[in-house]
C-alpha cells in the first residue's frame, strides 16, 4: 500500500470536517447551541475532542462554518434566480429557491431560525446571518419596486414576516404542513405586477 498523497489527505480532512459539521448541526438543532458541548459533538461524530479542535478551534467557529456553508449555498441558488430578467419570474424563482432550501435541509434552517431568537448566538453567528438577511431584503425590495408595489421598503418587511411565519409552521410539522400549496398562494399574490 502506497502512502497517501496530499490530495488524499485533503479529501479525508474535508470529509471529516463535513461529518463533524453535520453531527454538530444535528445536536445544535435538537439540544440548542448553548446546551451542546464540544464533548457532545466529538462523541456524536466519533472523534476525539483533540481531533475536533484540530478542525475547529471552538464551538463558535464550528457554528460559523455551518452558517457560512449555508449562506454560500443559498447565495449560489439566489445568483441564478437574480439573473432572470422578468421581475415576477425572478421573484417566483427566489421564493421557490428560498423555501426549497428550507425544505431540503429542514434541520439546518430550523436551527438558523432558532439562533436568530437567542442573544448568546447572535454574538457568535448573528452578524453573518444578519448580513445574509439584509442582502436578501435588498434583492426582494428591488424586485417589489420593479413590480410597482407601493411602499416596497415596507412591503419587503411584510413579506419577510410572512416567510418567517410560514417557516415556523413548516418547522413545527414538516411532514404535515402544505408548504407547496402555501408557496403557490404566496406566488399568486406577490409574483405579478401590483394592481392594487
N, C-alpha and C. Protein backbone atom coordinates (compact mmCIF):
# COMPACT_ATOMS: atom_id res chain seq x y z
N UNK A 1 0.85 -1.17 0.00
CA UNK A 1 0.00 0.00 0.00
C UNK A 1 0.90 1.24 0.00
N UNK A 2 0.66 2.11 -0.96
CA UNK A 2 1.49 3.31 -1.09
C UNK A 2 0.99 4.40 -0.14
N UNK A 3 1.91 5.31 0.25
CA UNK A 3 1.49 6.40 1.14
C UNK A 3 0.45 7.30 0.47
N UNK A 4 -0.33 7.95 1.30
CA UNK A 4 -1.37 8.84 0.78
C UNK A 4 -0.75 10.10 0.18
N UNK A 5 -1.42 10.59 -0.83
CA UNK A 5 -0.97 11.83 -1.46
C UNK A 5 -1.55 13.02 -0.70
N UNK A 6 -1.04 14.20 -0.99
CA UNK A 6 -1.55 15.42 -0.37
C UNK A 6 -3.03 15.59 -0.70
N UNK A 7 -3.41 15.28 -1.92
CA UNK A 7 -4.81 15.39 -2.34
C UNK A 7 -5.69 14.43 -1.53
N UNK A 8 -5.21 13.22 -1.29
CA UNK A 8 -5.97 12.26 -0.50
C UNK A 8 -6.15 12.75 0.94
N UNK A 9 -5.09 13.30 1.52
CA UNK A 9 -5.19 13.86 2.88
C UNK A 9 -6.19 15.01 2.93
N UNK A 10 -6.17 15.87 1.92
CA UNK A 10 -7.12 16.99 1.87
C UNK A 10 -8.55 16.48 1.76
N UNK A 11 -8.73 15.42 0.98
CA UNK A 11 -10.08 14.84 0.82
C UNK A 11 -10.56 14.23 2.13
N UNK A 12 -9.67 13.53 2.82
CA UNK A 12 -10.03 12.94 4.12
C UNK A 12 -10.36 14.05 5.11
N UNK A 13 -9.57 15.12 5.12
CA UNK A 13 -9.81 16.24 6.02
C UNK A 13 -11.17 16.88 5.73
N UNK A 14 -11.46 17.08 4.46
CA UNK A 14 -12.74 17.67 4.06
C UNK A 14 -13.91 16.79 4.48
N UNK A 15 -13.77 15.48 4.27
CA UNK A 15 -14.84 14.56 4.67
C UNK A 15 -15.04 14.57 6.18
N UNK A 16 -13.93 14.63 6.93
CA UNK A 16 -14.02 14.67 8.39
C UNK A 16 -14.69 15.96 8.85
N UNK A 17 -14.32 17.08 8.25
CA UNK A 17 -14.95 18.35 8.62
C UNK A 17 -16.44 18.32 8.33
N UNK A 18 -16.81 17.81 7.18
CA UNK A 18 -18.23 17.72 6.81
C UNK A 18 -18.97 16.84 7.79
N UNK A 19 -18.37 15.72 8.18
CA UNK A 19 -19.01 14.81 9.14
C UNK A 19 -19.21 15.52 10.49
N UNK A 20 -18.20 16.22 10.96
CA UNK A 20 -18.31 16.95 12.23
C UNK A 20 -19.37 18.04 12.13
N UNK A 21 -19.37 18.77 11.03
CA UNK A 21 -20.38 19.82 10.82
C UNK A 21 -21.79 19.22 10.87
N UNK A 22 -21.99 18.12 10.18
CA UNK A 22 -23.32 17.50 10.15
C UNK A 22 -23.75 17.01 11.52
N UNK A 23 -22.85 16.43 12.28
CA UNK A 23 -23.19 15.95 13.62
C UNK A 23 -23.48 17.13 14.55
N UNK A 24 -22.66 18.19 14.44
CA UNK A 24 -22.89 19.38 15.27
C UNK A 24 -24.22 20.02 14.93
N UNK A 25 -24.51 20.10 13.65
CA UNK A 25 -25.78 20.68 13.21
C UNK A 25 -26.95 19.93 13.84
N UNK A 26 -26.88 18.63 13.83
CA UNK A 26 -27.95 17.81 14.41
C UNK A 26 -28.09 18.09 15.91
N UNK A 27 -26.96 18.16 16.60
CA UNK A 27 -27.01 18.44 18.04
C UNK A 27 -27.49 19.86 18.33
N UNK A 28 -26.99 20.84 17.59
CA UNK A 28 -27.43 22.22 17.81
C UNK A 28 -28.93 22.34 17.59
N UNK A 29 -29.43 21.64 16.58
CA UNK A 29 -30.86 21.72 16.26
C UNK A 29 -31.71 21.02 17.32
N UNK A 30 -31.19 19.94 17.90
CA UNK A 30 -32.00 19.19 18.86
C UNK A 30 -31.82 19.67 20.31
N UNK A 31 -30.58 20.01 20.69
CA UNK A 31 -30.30 20.40 22.08
C UNK A 31 -30.15 21.90 22.27
N UNK A 32 -29.90 22.62 21.17
CA UNK A 32 -29.60 24.04 21.26
C UNK A 32 -28.10 24.26 21.28
N UNK A 33 -27.69 25.42 20.82
CA UNK A 33 -26.27 25.75 20.75
C UNK A 33 -25.64 25.80 22.13
N UNK A 34 -26.27 26.51 23.05
CA UNK A 34 -25.70 26.69 24.39
C UNK A 34 -25.62 25.38 25.16
N UNK A 35 -26.55 24.46 24.92
CA UNK A 35 -26.60 23.21 25.66
C UNK A 35 -25.74 22.10 25.05
N UNK A 36 -25.15 22.36 23.92
CA UNK A 36 -24.30 21.36 23.26
C UNK A 36 -22.85 21.66 23.58
N UNK A 37 -22.15 20.67 24.10
CA UNK A 37 -20.73 20.85 24.43
C UNK A 37 -19.86 20.31 23.30
N UNK A 38 -18.60 20.69 23.33
CA UNK A 38 -17.63 20.15 22.37
C UNK A 38 -17.53 18.65 22.56
N UNK A 39 -17.58 18.20 23.80
CA UNK A 39 -17.53 16.75 24.07
C UNK A 39 -18.72 16.04 23.43
N UNK A 40 -19.90 16.66 23.50
CA UNK A 40 -21.09 16.07 22.85
C UNK A 40 -20.86 15.91 21.35
N UNK A 41 -20.32 16.96 20.74
CA UNK A 41 -20.10 16.94 19.29
C UNK A 41 -19.07 15.88 18.92
N UNK A 42 -17.97 15.84 19.66
CA UNK A 42 -16.92 14.85 19.39
C UNK A 42 -17.47 13.43 19.53
N UNK A 43 -18.22 13.20 20.59
CA UNK A 43 -18.80 11.87 20.82
C UNK A 43 -19.75 11.50 19.67
N UNK A 44 -20.62 12.43 19.31
CA UNK A 44 -21.60 12.18 18.23
C UNK A 44 -20.89 11.93 16.90
N UNK A 45 -19.78 12.62 16.67
CA UNK A 45 -19.04 12.48 15.41
C UNK A 45 -18.09 11.28 15.43
N UNK A 46 -17.89 10.70 16.62
CA UNK A 46 -16.99 9.55 16.72
C UNK A 46 -15.52 9.93 16.59
N UNK A 47 -15.19 11.14 17.08
CA UNK A 47 -13.80 11.60 17.05
C UNK A 47 -13.41 12.07 18.45
N UNK A 48 -12.12 12.21 18.67
CA UNK A 48 -11.66 12.73 19.96
C UNK A 48 -11.89 14.24 20.00
N UNK A 49 -11.95 14.79 21.21
CA UNK A 49 -12.07 16.25 21.34
C UNK A 49 -10.87 16.94 20.70
N UNK A 50 -9.71 16.35 20.86
CA UNK A 50 -8.49 16.92 20.28
C UNK A 50 -8.57 17.00 18.77
N UNK A 51 -9.07 15.94 18.15
CA UNK A 51 -9.20 15.96 16.69
C UNK A 51 -10.23 16.99 16.26
N UNK A 52 -11.31 17.09 17.04
CA UNK A 52 -12.31 18.10 16.69
C UNK A 52 -11.73 19.50 16.76
N UNK A 53 -10.93 19.75 17.80
CA UNK A 53 -10.28 21.06 17.92
C UNK A 53 -9.26 21.29 16.81
N UNK A 54 -8.72 20.20 16.27
CA UNK A 54 -7.81 20.33 15.14
C UNK A 54 -8.54 20.90 13.92
N UNK A 55 -9.80 20.53 13.76
CA UNK A 55 -10.60 21.02 12.63
C UNK A 55 -11.27 22.36 12.93
N UNK A 56 -11.76 22.50 14.15
CA UNK A 56 -12.48 23.71 14.56
C UNK A 56 -11.98 24.12 15.94
N UNK A 57 -11.34 25.28 16.04
CA UNK A 57 -10.75 25.69 17.31
C UNK A 57 -11.76 25.95 18.43
N UNK A 58 -13.04 26.07 18.09
CA UNK A 58 -14.06 26.31 19.12
C UNK A 58 -15.43 25.92 18.57
N UNK A 59 -16.35 25.78 19.47
CA UNK A 59 -17.74 25.51 19.10
C UNK A 59 -18.29 26.67 18.27
N UNK A 60 -17.88 27.87 18.61
CA UNK A 60 -18.34 29.07 17.89
C UNK A 60 -17.84 29.05 16.44
N UNK A 61 -16.58 28.65 16.24
CA UNK A 61 -16.03 28.56 14.88
C UNK A 61 -16.77 27.49 14.07
N UNK A 62 -17.17 26.43 14.73
CA UNK A 62 -17.94 25.38 14.08
C UNK A 62 -19.30 25.92 13.64
N UNK A 63 -19.94 26.68 14.51
CA UNK A 63 -21.23 27.29 14.15
C UNK A 63 -21.05 28.25 12.97
N UNK A 64 -19.97 29.03 12.98
CA UNK A 64 -19.71 29.94 11.86
C UNK A 64 -19.51 29.17 10.56
N UNK A 65 -18.88 28.00 10.64
CA UNK A 65 -18.69 27.17 9.44
C UNK A 65 -20.04 26.68 8.91
N UNK A 66 -20.92 26.30 9.82
CA UNK A 66 -22.27 25.85 9.42
C UNK A 66 -23.02 26.99 8.74
N UNK A 67 -22.98 28.16 9.35
CA UNK A 67 -23.67 29.33 8.79
C UNK A 67 -23.07 29.71 7.44
N UNK A 68 -21.75 29.76 7.38
CA UNK A 68 -21.08 30.13 6.13
C UNK A 68 -21.40 29.18 4.99
N UNK A 69 -21.42 27.90 5.29
CA UNK A 69 -21.75 26.90 4.27
C UNK A 69 -23.16 27.10 3.74
N UNK A 70 -24.10 27.32 4.64
CA UNK A 70 -25.50 27.50 4.23
C UNK A 70 -25.68 28.78 3.42
N UNK A 71 -25.07 29.87 3.87
CA UNK A 71 -25.21 31.13 3.15
C UNK A 71 -24.56 31.05 1.77
N UNK A 72 -23.46 30.34 1.66
CA UNK A 72 -22.81 30.18 0.35
C UNK A 72 -23.71 29.40 -0.60
N UNK A 73 -24.32 28.32 -0.10
CA UNK A 73 -25.23 27.53 -0.93
C UNK A 73 -26.44 28.34 -1.36
N UNK A 74 -27.02 29.06 -0.42
CA UNK A 74 -28.18 29.89 -0.74
C UNK A 74 -27.79 31.00 -1.71
N UNK A 75 -26.63 31.57 -1.51
CA UNK A 75 -26.14 32.62 -2.41
C UNK A 75 -26.01 32.13 -3.84
N UNK A 76 -25.51 30.92 -4.02
CA UNK A 76 -25.38 30.35 -5.37
C UNK A 76 -26.75 30.18 -6.01
N UNK A 77 -27.69 29.68 -5.23
CA UNK A 77 -29.05 29.49 -5.75
C UNK A 77 -29.67 30.83 -6.11
N UNK A 78 -29.47 31.83 -5.25
CA UNK A 78 -30.07 33.14 -5.49
C UNK A 78 -29.43 33.84 -6.68
N UNK A 79 -28.14 33.63 -6.88
CA UNK A 79 -27.47 34.24 -8.04
C UNK A 79 -28.13 33.80 -9.34
N UNK A 80 -28.46 32.54 -9.43
CA UNK A 80 -29.13 32.02 -10.63
C UNK A 80 -30.48 32.70 -10.82
N UNK A 81 -31.22 32.83 -9.74
CA UNK A 81 -32.55 33.43 -9.82
C UNK A 81 -32.48 34.91 -10.18
N UNK A 82 -31.49 35.62 -9.64
CA UNK A 82 -31.36 37.06 -9.88
C UNK A 82 -31.10 37.36 -11.35
N UNK A 83 -30.55 36.40 -12.08
CA UNK A 83 -30.25 36.60 -13.50
C UNK A 83 -31.51 36.61 -14.38
N UNK A 84 -32.64 36.19 -13.84
CA UNK A 84 -33.88 36.15 -14.61
C UNK A 84 -34.35 37.58 -14.85
N UNK A 85 -34.65 37.90 -16.09
CA UNK A 85 -34.97 39.28 -16.45
C UNK A 85 -36.34 39.73 -15.95
N UNK A 86 -37.36 38.91 -16.15
CA UNK A 86 -38.72 39.27 -15.76
C UNK A 86 -38.82 39.29 -14.23
N UNK A 87 -39.20 40.45 -13.62
CA UNK A 87 -39.20 40.54 -12.16
C UNK A 87 -40.17 39.57 -11.48
N UNK A 88 -41.32 39.31 -12.08
CA UNK A 88 -42.28 38.38 -11.48
C UNK A 88 -41.70 36.97 -11.45
N UNK A 89 -41.08 36.57 -12.55
CA UNK A 89 -40.47 35.23 -12.60
C UNK A 89 -39.24 35.16 -11.71
N UNK A 90 -38.52 36.26 -11.60
CA UNK A 90 -37.35 36.32 -10.71
C UNK A 90 -37.80 36.14 -9.27
N UNK A 91 -38.86 36.85 -8.88
CA UNK A 91 -39.38 36.73 -7.52
C UNK A 91 -39.85 35.31 -7.25
N UNK A 92 -40.56 34.74 -8.20
CA UNK A 92 -41.01 33.36 -8.03
C UNK A 92 -39.83 32.41 -7.83
N UNK A 93 -38.79 32.57 -8.65
CA UNK A 93 -37.61 31.71 -8.52
C UNK A 93 -36.94 31.89 -7.16
N UNK A 94 -36.88 33.13 -6.67
CA UNK A 94 -36.28 33.38 -5.36
C UNK A 94 -37.10 32.77 -4.24
N UNK A 95 -38.41 32.93 -4.32
CA UNK A 95 -39.29 32.36 -3.29
C UNK A 95 -39.14 30.84 -3.28
N UNK A 96 -39.19 30.25 -4.46
CA UNK A 96 -39.08 28.78 -4.54
C UNK A 96 -37.71 28.29 -4.08
N UNK A 97 -36.65 29.02 -4.43
CA UNK A 97 -35.31 28.58 -4.02
C UNK A 97 -35.13 28.75 -2.51
N UNK A 98 -35.66 29.82 -1.95
CA UNK A 98 -35.55 30.05 -0.51
C UNK A 98 -36.24 28.93 0.26
N UNK A 99 -37.48 28.66 -0.11
CA UNK A 99 -38.22 27.61 0.61
C UNK A 99 -37.77 26.22 0.21
N UNK A 100 -37.25 26.09 -1.00
CA UNK A 100 -36.68 24.80 -1.41
C UNK A 100 -35.49 24.44 -0.54
N UNK A 101 -34.67 25.43 -0.22
CA UNK A 101 -33.52 25.20 0.67
C UNK A 101 -34.00 24.76 2.05
N UNK A 102 -35.03 25.42 2.56
CA UNK A 102 -35.56 25.07 3.88
C UNK A 102 -36.18 23.67 3.87
N UNK A 103 -36.81 23.32 2.78
CA UNK A 103 -37.45 22.01 2.66
C UNK A 103 -36.39 20.91 2.52
N UNK A 104 -35.35 21.20 1.76
CA UNK A 104 -34.29 20.22 1.51
C UNK A 104 -33.46 19.97 2.77
N UNK A 105 -33.21 21.02 3.53
CA UNK A 105 -32.34 20.93 4.70
C UNK A 105 -33.04 21.54 5.91
N UNK A 106 -34.15 20.94 6.28
CA UNK A 106 -35.02 21.45 7.34
C UNK A 106 -34.26 21.67 8.65
N UNK A 107 -33.42 20.72 9.01
CA UNK A 107 -32.72 20.81 10.29
C UNK A 107 -31.85 22.07 10.36
N UNK A 108 -31.11 22.33 9.29
CA UNK A 108 -30.20 23.47 9.30
C UNK A 108 -30.97 24.79 9.35
N UNK A 109 -32.04 24.92 8.56
CA UNK A 109 -32.79 26.18 8.51
C UNK A 109 -33.62 26.39 9.76
N UNK A 110 -34.07 25.29 10.37
CA UNK A 110 -34.75 25.40 11.67
C UNK A 110 -33.75 25.93 12.70
N UNK A 111 -32.53 25.42 12.67
CA UNK A 111 -31.51 25.91 13.59
C UNK A 111 -31.28 27.40 13.41
N UNK A 112 -31.19 27.87 12.18
CA UNK A 112 -30.96 29.30 11.93
C UNK A 112 -32.10 30.15 12.47
N UNK A 113 -33.31 29.64 12.32
CA UNK A 113 -34.44 30.40 12.84
C UNK A 113 -34.37 30.48 14.37
N UNK A 114 -34.00 29.37 15.00
CA UNK A 114 -33.87 29.35 16.45
C UNK A 114 -32.72 30.27 16.89
N UNK A 115 -31.60 30.19 16.18
CA UNK A 115 -30.44 31.01 16.53
C UNK A 115 -30.76 32.50 16.51
N UNK A 116 -31.61 32.89 15.59
CA UNK A 116 -31.93 34.31 15.47
C UNK A 116 -32.72 34.84 16.66
N UNK A 117 -33.23 33.93 17.48
CA UNK A 117 -34.05 34.33 18.64
C UNK A 117 -33.26 34.42 19.94
N UNK A 118 -32.02 33.90 19.96
CA UNK A 118 -31.28 33.83 21.22
C UNK A 118 -30.06 34.73 21.21
N UNK A 119 -29.99 35.66 22.15
CA UNK A 119 -28.90 36.64 22.18
C UNK A 119 -27.51 36.02 22.22
N UNK A 120 -27.33 34.89 22.94
CA UNK A 120 -25.98 34.33 23.04
C UNK A 120 -25.46 33.85 21.70
N UNK A 121 -26.35 33.46 20.81
CA UNK A 121 -25.88 33.02 19.50
C UNK A 121 -25.79 34.18 18.52
N UNK A 122 -26.50 35.25 18.78
CA UNK A 122 -26.38 36.44 17.93
C UNK A 122 -24.93 36.91 17.94
N UNK A 123 -24.29 36.84 19.11
CA UNK A 123 -22.90 37.26 19.21
C UNK A 123 -21.98 36.35 18.41
N UNK A 124 -22.33 35.09 18.24
CA UNK A 124 -21.47 34.14 17.53
C UNK A 124 -21.66 34.24 16.03
N UNK A 125 -22.86 34.01 15.56
CA UNK A 125 -23.08 33.99 14.12
C UNK A 125 -24.08 35.00 13.64
N UNK A 126 -24.49 35.88 14.54
CA UNK A 126 -25.53 36.83 14.21
C UNK A 126 -25.17 37.78 13.10
N UNK A 127 -23.94 38.22 13.06
CA UNK A 127 -23.53 39.17 12.03
C UNK A 127 -23.63 38.54 10.65
N UNK A 128 -23.17 37.30 10.53
CA UNK A 128 -23.25 36.61 9.24
C UNK A 128 -24.70 36.41 8.82
N UNK A 129 -25.52 35.96 9.77
CA UNK A 129 -26.94 35.77 9.45
C UNK A 129 -27.61 37.10 9.10
N UNK A 130 -27.29 38.14 9.85
CA UNK A 130 -27.88 39.47 9.60
C UNK A 130 -27.45 40.00 8.24
N UNK A 131 -26.17 39.83 7.90
CA UNK A 131 -25.70 40.28 6.59
C UNK A 131 -26.41 39.54 5.46
N UNK A 132 -26.57 38.23 5.63
CA UNK A 132 -27.29 37.44 4.63
C UNK A 132 -28.74 37.88 4.50
N UNK A 133 -29.36 38.14 5.66
CA UNK A 133 -30.76 38.59 5.67
C UNK A 133 -30.90 39.95 4.98
N UNK A 134 -30.00 40.87 5.29
CA UNK A 134 -30.08 42.21 4.69
C UNK A 134 -29.85 42.16 3.17
N UNK A 135 -28.98 41.29 2.73
CA UNK A 135 -28.75 41.13 1.30
C UNK A 135 -30.03 40.62 0.62
N UNK A 136 -30.67 39.65 1.24
CA UNK A 136 -31.92 39.13 0.68
C UNK A 136 -33.00 40.20 0.67
N UNK A 137 -33.09 40.97 1.75
CA UNK A 137 -34.09 42.04 1.82
C UNK A 137 -33.89 43.03 0.68
N UNK A 138 -32.65 43.39 0.42
CA UNK A 138 -32.35 44.31 -0.68
C UNK A 138 -32.78 43.76 -2.03
N UNK A 139 -32.53 42.49 -2.24
CA UNK A 139 -32.92 41.86 -3.51
C UNK A 139 -34.44 41.84 -3.65
N UNK A 140 -35.13 41.40 -2.60
CA UNK A 140 -36.59 41.35 -2.65
C UNK A 140 -37.19 42.74 -2.80
N UNK A 141 -36.66 43.72 -2.10
CA UNK A 141 -37.19 45.08 -2.20
C UNK A 141 -37.03 45.62 -3.62
N UNK A 142 -35.92 45.35 -4.23
CA UNK A 142 -35.68 45.79 -5.60
C UNK A 142 -36.71 45.19 -6.56
N UNK A 143 -37.01 43.92 -6.37
CA UNK A 143 -38.00 43.26 -7.23
C UNK A 143 -39.39 43.84 -6.99
N UNK A 144 -39.75 44.04 -5.72
CA UNK A 144 -41.06 44.62 -5.42
C UNK A 144 -41.19 46.01 -6.02
N UNK A 145 -40.09 46.76 -6.06
CA UNK A 145 -40.09 48.08 -6.70
C UNK A 145 -40.36 47.92 -8.19
N UNK A 146 -39.69 46.97 -8.82
CA UNK A 146 -39.90 46.73 -10.25
C UNK A 146 -41.33 46.30 -10.55
N UNK A 147 -41.95 45.61 -9.60
CA UNK A 147 -43.33 45.15 -9.78
C UNK A 147 -44.35 46.22 -9.39
N UNK A 148 -43.87 47.42 -9.09
CA UNK A 148 -44.71 48.59 -8.78
C UNK A 148 -45.53 48.46 -7.50
N UNK A 149 -45.00 47.74 -6.51
CA UNK A 149 -45.68 47.69 -5.23
C UNK A 149 -45.52 49.06 -4.57
N UNK A 150 -46.62 49.60 -4.00
CA UNK A 150 -46.47 50.85 -3.26
C UNK A 150 -45.68 50.55 -1.98
N UNK A 151 -44.83 51.43 -1.59
CA UNK A 151 -44.02 51.28 -0.38
C UNK A 151 -43.26 49.94 -0.35
N UNK A 152 -42.45 49.66 -1.35
CA UNK A 152 -41.72 48.39 -1.38
C UNK A 152 -40.81 48.22 -0.17
N UNK A 153 -40.33 49.35 0.39
CA UNK A 153 -39.47 49.28 1.57
C UNK A 153 -40.23 48.76 2.79
N UNK A 154 -41.54 48.92 2.82
CA UNK A 154 -42.38 48.36 3.88
C UNK A 154 -42.88 46.97 3.49
N UNK A 155 -43.25 46.82 2.25
CA UNK A 155 -43.78 45.54 1.77
C UNK A 155 -42.77 44.41 1.95
N UNK A 156 -41.48 44.72 1.79
CA UNK A 156 -40.46 43.69 1.93
C UNK A 156 -40.43 43.14 3.36
N UNK A 157 -40.71 44.00 4.35
CA UNK A 157 -40.76 43.53 5.74
C UNK A 157 -42.01 42.70 6.00
N UNK A 158 -43.10 43.06 5.36
CA UNK A 158 -44.34 42.27 5.47
C UNK A 158 -44.11 40.89 4.86
N UNK A 159 -43.49 40.88 3.70
CA UNK A 159 -43.19 39.61 3.03
C UNK A 159 -42.24 38.78 3.89
N UNK A 160 -41.25 39.43 4.49
CA UNK A 160 -40.32 38.72 5.37
C UNK A 160 -41.02 38.09 6.57
N UNK A 161 -41.95 38.84 7.16
CA UNK A 161 -42.70 38.30 8.29
C UNK A 161 -43.57 37.12 7.85
N UNK A 162 -44.13 37.23 6.66
CA UNK A 162 -44.91 36.12 6.10
C UNK A 162 -44.03 34.89 5.93
N UNK A 163 -42.84 35.08 5.37
CA UNK A 163 -41.90 33.96 5.19
C UNK A 163 -41.54 33.32 6.53
N UNK A 164 -41.25 34.16 7.52
CA UNK A 164 -40.87 33.62 8.84
C UNK A 164 -42.01 32.83 9.46
N UNK A 165 -43.24 33.34 9.29
CA UNK A 165 -44.40 32.61 9.80
C UNK A 165 -44.59 31.28 9.09
N UNK A 166 -44.44 31.29 7.79
CA UNK A 166 -44.56 30.04 7.02
C UNK A 166 -43.51 29.05 7.49
N UNK A 167 -42.28 29.51 7.62
CA UNK A 167 -41.20 28.61 8.06
C UNK A 167 -41.45 28.08 9.47
N UNK A 168 -41.94 28.93 10.36
CA UNK A 168 -42.21 28.48 11.73
C UNK A 168 -43.22 27.34 11.71
N UNK A 169 -44.30 27.51 10.97
CA UNK A 169 -45.32 26.45 10.89
C UNK A 169 -44.77 25.20 10.21
N UNK A 170 -44.00 25.39 9.16
CA UNK A 170 -43.40 24.25 8.46
C UNK A 170 -42.46 23.48 9.39
N UNK A 171 -41.62 24.18 10.14
CA UNK A 171 -40.67 23.51 11.02
C UNK A 171 -41.35 22.77 12.16
N UNK A 172 -42.53 23.23 12.56
CA UNK A 172 -43.26 22.54 13.63
C UNK A 172 -43.76 21.17 13.19
N UNK A 173 -44.14 21.05 11.92
CA UNK A 173 -44.67 19.77 11.42
C UNK A 173 -44.35 19.62 9.93
N UNK A 174 -43.09 19.39 9.60
CA UNK A 174 -42.69 19.37 8.18
C UNK A 174 -43.43 18.33 7.33
N UNK A 175 -43.80 17.22 7.95
CA UNK A 175 -44.48 16.18 7.18
C UNK A 175 -45.93 16.55 6.86
N UNK A 176 -46.53 17.35 7.73
CA UNK A 176 -47.95 17.68 7.59
C UNK A 176 -48.23 19.04 6.95
N UNK A 177 -47.27 19.91 6.99
CA UNK A 177 -47.51 21.28 6.53
C UNK A 177 -47.58 21.32 5.00
N UNK A 178 -48.61 21.96 4.44
CA UNK A 178 -48.77 22.00 2.98
C UNK A 178 -47.90 23.10 2.34
N UNK A 179 -46.58 22.97 2.49
CA UNK A 179 -45.66 24.02 2.07
C UNK A 179 -45.82 24.38 0.60
N UNK A 180 -45.92 23.40 -0.27
CA UNK A 180 -46.03 23.70 -1.70
C UNK A 180 -47.30 24.48 -2.02
N UNK A 181 -48.40 24.11 -1.39
CA UNK A 181 -49.66 24.83 -1.61
C UNK A 181 -49.59 26.26 -1.07
N UNK A 182 -48.98 26.42 0.10
CA UNK A 182 -48.84 27.75 0.68
C UNK A 182 -47.95 28.61 -0.22
N UNK A 183 -46.86 28.04 -0.71
CA UNK A 183 -45.98 28.80 -1.60
C UNK A 183 -46.69 29.19 -2.89
N UNK A 184 -47.50 28.30 -3.42
CA UNK A 184 -48.27 28.64 -4.62
C UNK A 184 -49.14 29.86 -4.37
N UNK A 185 -49.75 29.94 -3.17
CA UNK A 185 -50.59 31.10 -2.84
C UNK A 185 -49.76 32.37 -2.70
N UNK A 186 -48.59 32.27 -2.06
CA UNK A 186 -47.71 33.43 -1.93
C UNK A 186 -47.31 33.91 -3.31
N UNK A 187 -46.97 33.00 -4.19
CA UNK A 187 -46.55 33.34 -5.56
C UNK A 187 -47.70 34.00 -6.32
N UNK A 188 -48.90 33.48 -6.17
CA UNK A 188 -50.06 34.10 -6.83
C UNK A 188 -50.26 35.54 -6.39
N UNK A 189 -50.03 35.81 -5.11
CA UNK A 189 -50.28 37.15 -4.56
C UNK A 189 -49.15 38.14 -4.82
N UNK A 190 -47.91 37.65 -4.90
CA UNK A 190 -46.78 38.58 -4.98
C UNK A 190 -46.07 38.58 -6.33
N UNK A 191 -46.09 37.49 -7.04
CA UNK A 191 -45.26 37.37 -8.25
C UNK A 191 -46.00 37.83 -9.50
N UNK A 192 -46.44 39.06 -9.43
CA UNK A 192 -47.11 39.71 -10.56
C UNK A 192 -47.03 41.20 -10.32
N UNK A 193 -47.16 41.98 -11.36
CA UNK A 193 -47.16 43.44 -11.13
C UNK A 193 -48.31 43.82 -10.20
N UNK A 194 -48.04 44.76 -9.30
CA UNK A 194 -49.04 45.20 -8.34
C UNK A 194 -50.18 45.90 -9.09
N UNK A 195 -51.41 45.51 -8.71
CA UNK A 195 -52.56 46.12 -9.39
C UNK A 195 -53.52 46.77 -8.39
N UNK A 196 -53.15 46.77 -7.12
CA UNK A 196 -53.98 47.46 -6.13
C UNK A 196 -55.04 46.61 -5.69
